[in-house]
Amino acid sequence: GLLHHDGEHNIWQVIHAVPGEDEPEYMEAEA
């Protein structure tokens, strides 16, 4: 996944696409 810095919350996130963790299987930015 790609690293992205969330300036509002001052945390690093990973933007990625993954199957099977959530439904629907949307791309997500997670801590």
PDB file of all heavy atoms in Angstrom:
ATOM      1  N   GLY A   1       0.838  -1.191   0.000  1.00  0.00           N
ATOM      2  CA  GLY A   1       0.000   0.000   0.000  1.00  0.00           C
ATOM      3  C   GLY A   1       0.868   1.234   0.000  1.00  0.00           C
ATOM      4  O   GLY A   1       2.104   1.143   0.117  1.00  0.00           O
ATOM      5  N   LEU A   2       0.248   2.397  -0.116  1.00  0.00           N
ATOM      6  CA  LEU A   2       0.974   3.668  -0.177  1.00  0.00           C
ATOM      7  C   LEU A   2       0.843   4.437   1.140  1.00  0.00           C
ATOM      8  O   LEU A   2      -0.246   4.556   1.696  1.00  0.00           O
ATOM      9  CB  LEU A   2       0.420   4.539  -1.307  1.00  0.00           C
ATOM     10  CG  LEU A   2       0.737   4.075  -2.730  1.00  0.00           C
ATOM     11  CD1 LEU A   2      -0.147   4.818  -3.722  1.00  0.00           C
ATOM     12  CD2 LEU A   2       2.199   4.312  -3.056  1.00  0.00           C
ATOM     13  N   LEU A   3       1.963   4.956   1.613  1.00  0.00           N
ATOM     14  CA  LEU A   3       1.952   5.762   2.834  1.00  0.00           C
ATOM     15  C   LEU A   3       1.404   7.161   2.564  1.00  0.00           C
ATOM     16  O   LEU A   3       1.763   7.811   1.575  1.00  0.00           O
ATOM     17  CB  LEU A   3       3.358   5.879   3.407  1.00  0.00           C
ATOM     18  CG  LEU A   3       3.902   4.651   4.145  1.00  0.00           C
ATOM     19  CD1 LEU A   3       5.379   4.850   4.471  1.00  0.00           C
ATOM     20  CD2 LEU A   3       3.110   4.399   5.422  1.00  0.00           C
ATOM     21  N   HIS A   4       0.533   7.607   3.466  1.00  0.00           N
ATOM     22  CA  HIS A   4      -0.049   8.948   3.382  1.00  0.00           C
ATOM     23  C   HIS A   4      -0.107   9.539   4.780  1.00  0.00           C
ATOM     24  O   HIS A   4      -0.547   8.878   5.729  1.00  0.00           O
ATOM     25  CB  HIS A   4      -1.452   8.882   2.787  1.00  0.00           C
ATOM     26  CG  HIS A   4      -2.274  10.116   3.015  1.00  0.00           C
ATOM     27  ND1 HIS A   4      -1.897  11.350   2.531  1.00  0.00           N
ATOM     28  CD2 HIS A   4      -3.441  10.309   3.702  1.00  0.00           C
ATOM     29  CE1 HIS A   4      -2.805  12.250   2.894  1.00  0.00           C
ATOM     30  NE2 HIS A   4      -3.734  11.656   3.602  1.00  0.00           N
ATOM     31  N   HIS A   5       0.358  10.796   4.909  1.00  0.00           N
ATOM     32  CA  HIS A   5       0.305  11.452   6.214  1.00  0.00           C
ATOM     33  C   HIS A   5      -0.984  12.249   6.352  1.00  0.00           C
ATOM     34  O   HIS A   5      -1.250  13.163   5.569  1.00  0.00           O
ATOM     35  CB  HIS A   5       1.499  12.374   6.428  1.00  0.00           C
ATOM     36  CG  HIS A   5       1.569  12.929   7.812  1.00  0.00           C
ATOM     37  ND1 HIS A   5       1.186  14.224   8.130  1.00  0.00           N
ATOM     38  CD2 HIS A   5       1.954  12.350   8.981  1.00  0.00           C
ATOM     39  CE1 HIS A   5       1.332  14.411   9.423  1.00  0.00           C
ATOM     40  NE2 HIS A   5       1.808  13.305   9.963  1.00  0.00           N
ATOM     41  N   ASP A   6      -1.785  11.864   7.328  1.00  0.00           N
ATOM     42  CA  ASP A   6      -3.031  12.581   7.631  1.00  0.00           C
ATOM     43  C   ASP A   6      -2.684  13.747   8.545  1.00  0.00           C
ATOM     44  O   ASP A   6      -2.515  13.586   9.754  1.00  0.00           O
ATOM     45  CB  ASP A   6      -4.009  11.623   8.316  1.00  0.00           C
ATOM     46  CG  ASP A   6      -5.326  12.288   8.688  1.00  0.00           C
ATOM     47  OD1 ASP A   6      -5.455  13.523   8.517  1.00  0.00           O
ATOM     48  OD2 ASP A   6      -6.235  11.579   9.150  1.00  0.00           O
ATOM     49  N   GLY A   7      -2.565  14.939   7.942  1.00  0.00           N
ATOM     50  CA  GLY A   7      -2.154  16.111   8.703  1.00  0.00           C
ATOM     51  C   GLY A   7      -3.150  16.524   9.761  1.00  0.00           C
ATOM     52  O   GLY A   7      -2.770  17.039  10.820  1.00  0.00           O
ATOM     53  N   GLU A   8      -4.432  16.306   9.504  1.00  0.00           N
ATOM     54  CA  GLU A   8      -5.466  16.702  10.462  1.00  0.00           C
ATOM     55  C   GLU A   8      -5.320  15.952  11.787  1.00  0.00           C
ATOM     56  O   GLU A   8      -5.468  16.525  12.863  1.00  0.00           O
ATOM     57  CB  GLU A   8      -6.849  16.443   9.866  1.00  0.00           C
ATOM     58  CG  GLU A   8      -7.991  16.856  10.789  1.00  0.00           C
ATOM     59  CD  GLU A   8      -9.350  16.612  10.172  1.00  0.00           C
ATOM     60  OE1 GLU A   8      -9.418  16.223   8.980  1.00  0.00           O
ATOM     61  OE2 GLU A   8     -10.359  16.805  10.886  1.00  0.00           O
ATOM     62  N   HIS A   9      -5.009  14.668  11.706  1.00  0.00           N
ATOM     63  CA  HIS A   9      -4.871  13.856  12.914  1.00  0.00           C
ATOM     64  C   HIS A   9      -3.407  13.535  13.239  1.00  0.00           C
ATOM     65  O   HIS A   9      -3.136  12.848  14.230  1.00  0.00           O
ATOM     66  CB  HIS A   9      -5.652  12.555  12.750  1.00  0.00           C
ATOM     67  CG  HIS A   9      -7.123  12.759  12.530  1.00  0.00           C
ATOM     68  ND1 HIS A   9      -7.696  12.752  11.279  1.00  0.00           N
ATOM     69  CD2 HIS A   9      -8.120  13.019  13.407  1.00  0.00           C
ATOM     70  CE1 HIS A   9      -9.000  12.962  11.394  1.00  0.00           C
ATOM     71  NE2 HIS A   9      -9.286  13.138  12.664  1.00  0.00           N
ATOM     72  N   ASN A  10      -2.502  14.027  12.408  1.00  0.00           N
ATOM     73  CA  ASN A  10      -1.062  13.842  12.593  1.00  0.00           C
ATOM     74  C   ASN A  10      -0.699  12.363  12.757  1.00  0.00           C
ATOM     75  O   ASN A  10       0.026  11.972  13.676  1.00  0.00           O
ATOM     76  CB  ASN A  10      -0.562  14.644  13.806  1.00  0.00           C
ATOM     77  CG  ASN A  10       0.958  14.730  13.821  1.00  0.00           C
ATOM     78  OD1 ASN A  10       1.603  14.718  12.770  1.00  0.00           O
ATOM     79  ND2 ASN A  10       1.542  14.820  15.010  1.00  0.00           N
ATOM     80  N   ILE A  11      -1.218  11.546  11.836  1.00  0.00           N
ATOM     81  CA  ILE A  11      -0.879  10.130  11.848  1.00  0.00           C
ATOM     82  C   ILE A  11      -0.553   9.682  10.426  1.00  0.00           C
ATOM     83  O   ILE A  11      -1.014  10.269   9.451  1.00  0.00           O
ATOM     84  CB  ILE A  11      -2.028   9.247  12.398  1.00  0.00           C
ATOM     85  CG1 ILE A  11      -3.286   9.398  11.536  1.00  0.00           C
ATOM     86  CG2 ILE A  11      -2.315   9.548  13.855  1.00  0.00           C
ATOM     87  CD1 ILE A  11      -4.365   8.393  11.854  1.00  0.00           C
ATOM     88  N   TRP A  12       0.243   8.614  10.332  1.00  0.00           N
ATOM     89  CA  TRP A  12       0.512   7.996   9.044  1.00  0.00           C
ATOM     90  C   TRP A  12      -0.534   6.930   8.767  1.00  0.00           C
ATOM     91  O   TRP A  12      -0.911   6.162   9.656  1.00  0.00           O
ATOM     92  CB  TRP A  12       1.908   7.385   9.014  1.00  0.00           C
ATOM     93  CG  TRP A  12       2.983   8.410   8.828  1.00  0.00           C
ATOM     94  CD1 TRP A  12       3.706   9.027   9.813  1.00  0.00           C
ATOM     95  CD2 TRP A  12       3.431   8.954   7.584  1.00  0.00           C
ATOM     96  NE1 TRP A  12       4.588   9.923   9.253  1.00  0.00           N
ATOM     97  CE2 TRP A  12       4.441   9.908   7.888  1.00  0.00           C
ATOM     98  CE3 TRP A  12       3.085   8.744   6.257  1.00  0.00           C
ATOM     99  CZ2 TRP A  12       5.104  10.627   6.910  1.00  0.00           C
ATOM    100  CZ3 TRP A  12       3.744   9.461   5.267  1.00  0.00           C
ATOM    101  CH2 TRP A  12       4.744  10.395   5.584  1.00  0.00           C
ATOM    102  N   GLN A  13      -0.999   6.912   7.539  1.00  0.00           N
ATOM    103  CA  GLN A  13      -1.961   5.918   7.091  1.00  0.00           C
ATOM    104  C   GLN A  13      -1.379   5.123   5.925  1.00  0.00           C
ATOM    105  O   GLN A  13      -0.427   5.563   5.291  1.00  0.00           O
ATOM    106  CB  GLN A  13      -3.259   6.590   6.636  1.00  0.00           C
ATOM    107  CG  GLN A  13      -3.988   7.359   7.705  1.00  0.00           C
ATOM    108  CD  GLN A  13      -5.232   8.055   7.148  1.00  0.00           C
ATOM    109  OE1 GLN A  13      -5.218   8.543   6.019  1.00  0.00           O
ATOM    110  NE2 GLN A  13      -6.299   8.087   7.926  1.00  0.00           N
ATOM    111  N   VAL A  14      -1.999   3.987   5.658  1.00  0.00           N
ATOM    112  CA  VAL A  14      -1.664   3.204   4.470  1.00  0.00           C
ATOM    113  C   VAL A  14      -2.910   3.126   3.598  1.00  0.00           C
ATOM    114  O   VAL A  14      -3.966   2.682   4.054  1.00  0.00           O
ATOM    115  CB  VAL A  14      -1.182   1.790   4.825  1.00  0.00           C
ATOM    116  CG1 VAL A  14      -0.842   1.017   3.542  1.00  0.00           C
ATOM    117  CG2 VAL A  14       0.035   1.847   5.739  1.00  0.00           C
ATOM    118  N   ILE A  15      -2.782   3.591   2.354  1.00  0.00           N
ATOM    119  CA  ILE A  15      -3.873   3.473   1.386  1.00  0.00           C
ATOM    120  C   ILE A  15      -3.666   2.164   0.644  1.00  0.00           C
ATOM    121  O   ILE A  15      -2.627   1.946   0.016  1.00  0.00           O
ATOM    122  CB  ILE A  15      -3.877   4.659   0.404  1.00  0.00           C
ATOM    123  CG1 ILE A  15      -4.014   5.982   1.165  1.00  0.00           C
ATOM    124  CG2 ILE A  15      -5.003   4.512  -0.612  1.00  0.00           C
ATOM    125  CD1 ILE A  15      -3.881   7.213   0.277  1.00  0.00           C
ATOM    126  N   HIS A  16      -4.662   1.292   0.720  1.00  0.00           N
ATOM    127  CA  HIS A  16      -4.464  -0.032   0.113  1.00  0.00           C
ATOM    128  C   HIS A  16      -5.791  -0.667  -0.274  1.00  0.00           C
ATOM    129  O   HIS A  16      -6.861  -0.223   0.131  1.00  0.00           O
ATOM    130  CB  HIS A  16      -3.685  -0.947   1.069  1.00  0.00           C
ATOM    131  CG  HIS A  16      -4.407  -1.316   2.334  1.00  0.00           C
ATOM    132  ND1 HIS A  16      -4.531  -2.611   2.762  1.00  0.00           N
ATOM    133  CD2 HIS A  16      -5.046  -0.555   3.267  1.00  0.00           C
ATOM    134  CE1 HIS A  16      -5.197  -2.654   3.893  1.00  0.00           C
ATOM    135  NE2 HIS A  16      -5.520  -1.417   4.229  1.00  0.00           N
ATOM    136  N   ALA A  17      -5.682  -1.698  -1.086  1.00  0.00           N
ATOM    137  CA  ALA A  17      -6.833  -2.492  -1.521  1.00  0.00           C
ATOM    138  C   ALA A  17      -6.603  -3.921  -1.052  1.00  0.00           C
ATOM    139  O   ALA A  17      -5.576  -4.519  -1.360  1.00  0.00           O
ATOM    140  CB  ALA A  17      -6.960  -2.455  -3.046  1.00  0.00           C
ATOM    141  N   VAL A  18      -7.546  -4.453  -0.292  1.00  0.00           N
ATOM    142  CA  VAL A  18      -7.357  -5.793   0.271  1.00  0.00           C
ATOM    143  C   VAL A  18      -8.692  -6.528   0.303  1.00  0.00           C
ATOM    144  O   VAL A  18      -9.718  -5.934   0.619  1.00  0.00           O
ATOM    145  CB  VAL A  18      -6.739  -5.705   1.686  1.00  0.00           C
ATOM    146  CG1 VAL A  18      -7.652  -5.005   2.659  1.00  0.00           C
ATOM    147  CG2 VAL A  18      -6.354  -7.078   2.211  1.00  0.00           C
ATOM    148  N   PRO A  19      -8.696  -7.807  -0.056  1.00  0.00           N
ATOM    149  CA  PRO A  19      -9.947  -8.571  -0.008  1.00  0.00           C
ATOM    150  C   PRO A  19     -10.158  -9.215   1.357  1.00  0.00           C
ATOM    151  O   PRO A  19      -9.208  -9.504   2.084  1.00  0.00           O
ATOM    152  CB  PRO A  19      -9.721  -9.653  -1.073  1.00  0.00           C
ATOM    153  CG  PRO A  19      -8.250  -9.926  -0.984  1.00  0.00           C
ATOM    154  CD  PRO A  19      -7.601  -8.599  -0.647  1.00  0.00           C
ATOM    155  N   GLY A  20     -11.415  -9.409   1.707  1.00  0.00           N
ATOM    156  CA  GLY A  20     -11.739 -10.253   2.849  1.00  0.00           C
ATOM    157  C   GLY A  20     -11.729  -9.615   4.219  1.00  0.00           C
ATOM    158  O   GLY A  20     -12.093 -10.265   5.193  1.00  0.00           O
ATOM    159  N   GLU A  21     -11.297  -8.350   4.348  1.00  0.00           N
ATOM    160  CA  GLU A  21     -11.253  -7.730   5.675  1.00  0.00           C
ATOM    161  C   GLU A  21     -12.555  -7.015   6.006  1.00  0.00           C
ATOM    162  O   GLU A  21     -12.970  -6.972   7.151  1.00  0.00           O
ATOM    163  CB  GLU A  21     -10.077  -6.760   5.775  1.00  0.00           C
ATOM    164  CG  GLU A  21      -8.727  -7.467   5.815  1.00  0.00           C
ATOM    165  CD  GLU A  21      -7.570  -6.515   6.072  1.00  0.00           C
ATOM    166  OE1 GLU A  21      -7.802  -5.286   6.130  1.00  0.00           O
ATOM    167  OE2 GLU A  21      -6.436  -7.004   6.194  1.00  0.00           O
ATOM    168  N   ASP A  22     -13.189  -6.420   4.990  1.00  0.00           N
ATOM    169  CA  ASP A  22     -14.435  -5.694   5.189  1.00  0.00           C
ATOM    170  C   ASP A  22     -15.356  -5.952   4.001  1.00  0.00           C
ATOM    171  O   ASP A  22     -14.917  -6.306   2.916  1.00  0.00           O
ATOM    172  CB  ASP A  22     -14.184  -4.176   5.317  1.00  0.00           C
ATOM    173  CG  ASP A  22     -13.317  -3.823   6.517  1.00  0.00           C
ATOM    174  OD1 ASP A  22     -13.794  -4.002   7.645  1.00  0.00           O
ATOM    175  OD2 ASP A  22     -12.173  -3.397   6.304  1.00  0.00           O
ATOM    176  N   GLU A  23     -16.643  -5.728   4.204  1.00  0.00           N
ATOM    177  CA  GLU A  23     -17.617  -5.816   3.126  1.00  0.00           C
ATOM    178  C   GLU A  23     -18.406  -4.514   3.065  1.00  0.00           C
ATOM    179  O   GLU A  23     -18.898  -4.059   4.094  1.00  0.00           O
ATOM    180  CB  GLU A  23     -18.580  -6.989   3.364  1.00  0.00           C
ATOM    181  CG  GLU A  23     -17.938  -8.358   3.232  1.00  0.00           C
ATOM    182  CD  GLU A  23     -17.577  -8.706   1.795  1.00  0.00           C
ATOM    183  OE1 GLU A  23     -18.092  -8.024   0.879  1.00  0.00           O
ATOM    184  OE2 GLU A  23     -16.786  -9.628   1.592  1.00  0.00           O
ATOM    185  N   PRO A  24     -18.569  -3.905   1.893  1.00  0.00           N
ATOM    186  CA  PRO A  24     -17.939  -4.260   0.616  1.00  0.00           C
ATOM    187  C   PRO A  24     -16.414  -4.062   0.685  1.00  0.00           C
ATOM    188  O   PRO A  24     -15.914  -3.395   1.582  1.00  0.00           O
ATOM    189  CB  PRO A  24     -18.568  -3.282  -0.385  1.00  0.00           C
ATOM    190  CG  PRO A  24     -19.700  -2.619   0.319  1.00  0.00           C
ATOM    191  CD  PRO A  24     -19.415  -2.701   1.763  1.00  0.00           C
ATOM    192  N   GLU A  25     -15.715  -4.617  -0.294  1.00  0.00           N
ATOM    193  CA  GLU A  25     -14.255  -4.593  -0.288  1.00  0.00           C
ATOM    194  C   GLU A  25     -13.720  -3.312  -0.933  1.00  0.00           C
ATOM    195  O   GLU A  25     -13.034  -3.335  -1.941  1.00  0.00           O
ATOM    196  CB  GLU A  25     -13.714  -5.818  -1.018  1.00  0.00           C
ATOM    197  CG  GLU A  25     -14.044  -7.127  -0.312  1.00  0.00           C
ATOM    198  CD  GLU A  25     -13.605  -8.343  -1.092  1.00  0.00           C
ATOM    199  OE1 GLU A  25     -13.498  -8.278  -2.334  1.00  0.00           O
ATOM    200  OE2 GLU A  25     -13.362  -9.389  -0.451  1.00  0.00           O
ATOM    201  N   TYR A  26     -14.052  -2.174  -0.313  1.00  0.00           N
ATOM    202  CA  TYR A  26     -13.585  -0.892  -0.818  1.00  0.00           C
ATOM    203  C   TYR A  26     -12.109  -0.692  -0.499  1.00  0.00           C
ATOM    204  O   TYR A  26     -11.591  -1.194   0.503  1.00  0.00           O
ATOM    205  CB  TYR A  26     -14.371   0.257  -0.196  1.00  0.00           C
ATOM    206  CG  TYR A  26     -15.820   0.346  -0.595  1.00  0.00           C
ATOM    207  CD1 TYR A  26     -16.815   0.511   0.367  1.00  0.00           C
ATOM    208  CD2 TYR A  26     -16.197   0.293  -1.942  1.00  0.00           C
ATOM    209  CE1 TYR A  26     -18.160   0.616   0.009  1.00  0.00           C
ATOM    210  CE2 TYR A  26     -17.538   0.393  -2.307  1.00  0.00           C
ATOM    211  CZ  TYR A  26     -18.509   0.548  -1.327  1.00  0.00           C
ATOM    212  OH  TYR A  26     -19.826   0.642  -1.693  1.00  0.00           O
ATOM    213  N   MET A  27     -11.439   0.100  -1.329  1.00  0.00           N
ATOM    214  CA  MET A  27     -10.107   0.587  -0.970  1.00  0.00           C
ATOM    215  C   MET A  27     -10.234   1.426   0.290  1.00  0.00           C
ATOM    216  O   MET A  27     -11.268   2.041   0.525  1.00  0.00           O
ATOM    217  CB  MET A  27      -9.534   1.450  -2.098  1.00  0.00           C
ATOM    218  CG  MET A  27      -8.966   0.669  -3.241  1.00  0.00           C
ATOM    219  SD  MET A  27      -8.287   1.783  -4.479  1.00  0.00           S
ATOM    220  CE  MET A  27      -7.426   2.955  -3.412  1.00  0.00           C
ATOM    221  N   GLU A  28      -9.177   1.465   1.081  1.00  0.00           N
ATOM    222  CA  GLU A  28      -9.270   2.197   2.338  1.00  0.00           C
ATOM    223  C   GLU A  28      -7.938   2.832   2.721  1.00  0.00           C
ATOM    224  O   GLU A  28      -6.872   2.427   2.254  1.00  0.00           O
ATOM    225  CB  GLU A  28      -9.731   1.271   3.457  1.00  0.00           C
ATOM    226  CG  GLU A  28      -8.815   0.069   3.695  1.00  0.00           C
ATOM    227  CD  GLU A  28      -9.370  -0.885   4.730  1.00  0.00           C
ATOM    228  OE1 GLU A  28     -10.309  -0.495   5.453  1.00  0.00           O
ATOM    229  OE2 GLU A  28      -8.868  -2.010   4.819  1.00  0.00           O
ATOM    230  N   ALA A  29      -8.048   3.834   3.569  1.00  0.00           N
ATOM    231  CA  ALA A  29      -6.876   4.459   4.185  1.00  0.00           C
ATOM    232  C   ALA A  29      -6.983   4.183   5.674  1.00  0.00           C
ATOM    233  O   ALA A  29      -7.878   4.699   6.342  1.00  0.00           O
ATOM    234  CB  ALA A  29      -6.861   5.966   3.919  1.00  0.00           C
ATOM    235  N   GLU A  30      -6.089   3.335   6.180  1.00  0.00           N
ATOM    236  CA  GLU A  30      -6.183   2.974   7.589  1.00  0.00           C
ATOM    237  C   GLU A  30      -4.886   3.298   8.310  1.00  0.00           C
ATOM    238  O   GLU A  30      -3.817   3.364   7.702  1.00  0.00           O
ATOM    239  CB  GLU A  30      -6.546   1.505   7.770  1.00  0.00           C
ATOM    240  CG  GLU A  30      -5.529   0.509   7.304  1.00  0.00           C
ATOM    241  CD  GLU A  30      -5.999  -0.935   7.492  1.00  0.00           C
ATOM    242  OE1 GLU A  30      -7.163  -1.142   7.878  1.00  0.00           O
ATOM    243  OE2 GLU A  30      -5.190  -1.840   7.230  1.00  0.00           O
ATOM    244  N   ALA A  31      -5.011   3.506   9.606  1.00  0.00           N
ATOM    245  CA  ALA A  31      -3.849   3.871  10.415  1.00  0.00           C
ATOM    246  C   ALA A  31      -2.755   2.816  10.308  1.00  0.00           C
ATOM    247  O   ALA A  31      -3.033   1.617  10.190  1.00  0.00           O
ATOM    248  CB  ALA A  31      -4.266   4.048  11.873  1.00  0.00           C
TER     249      ALA A  31
END
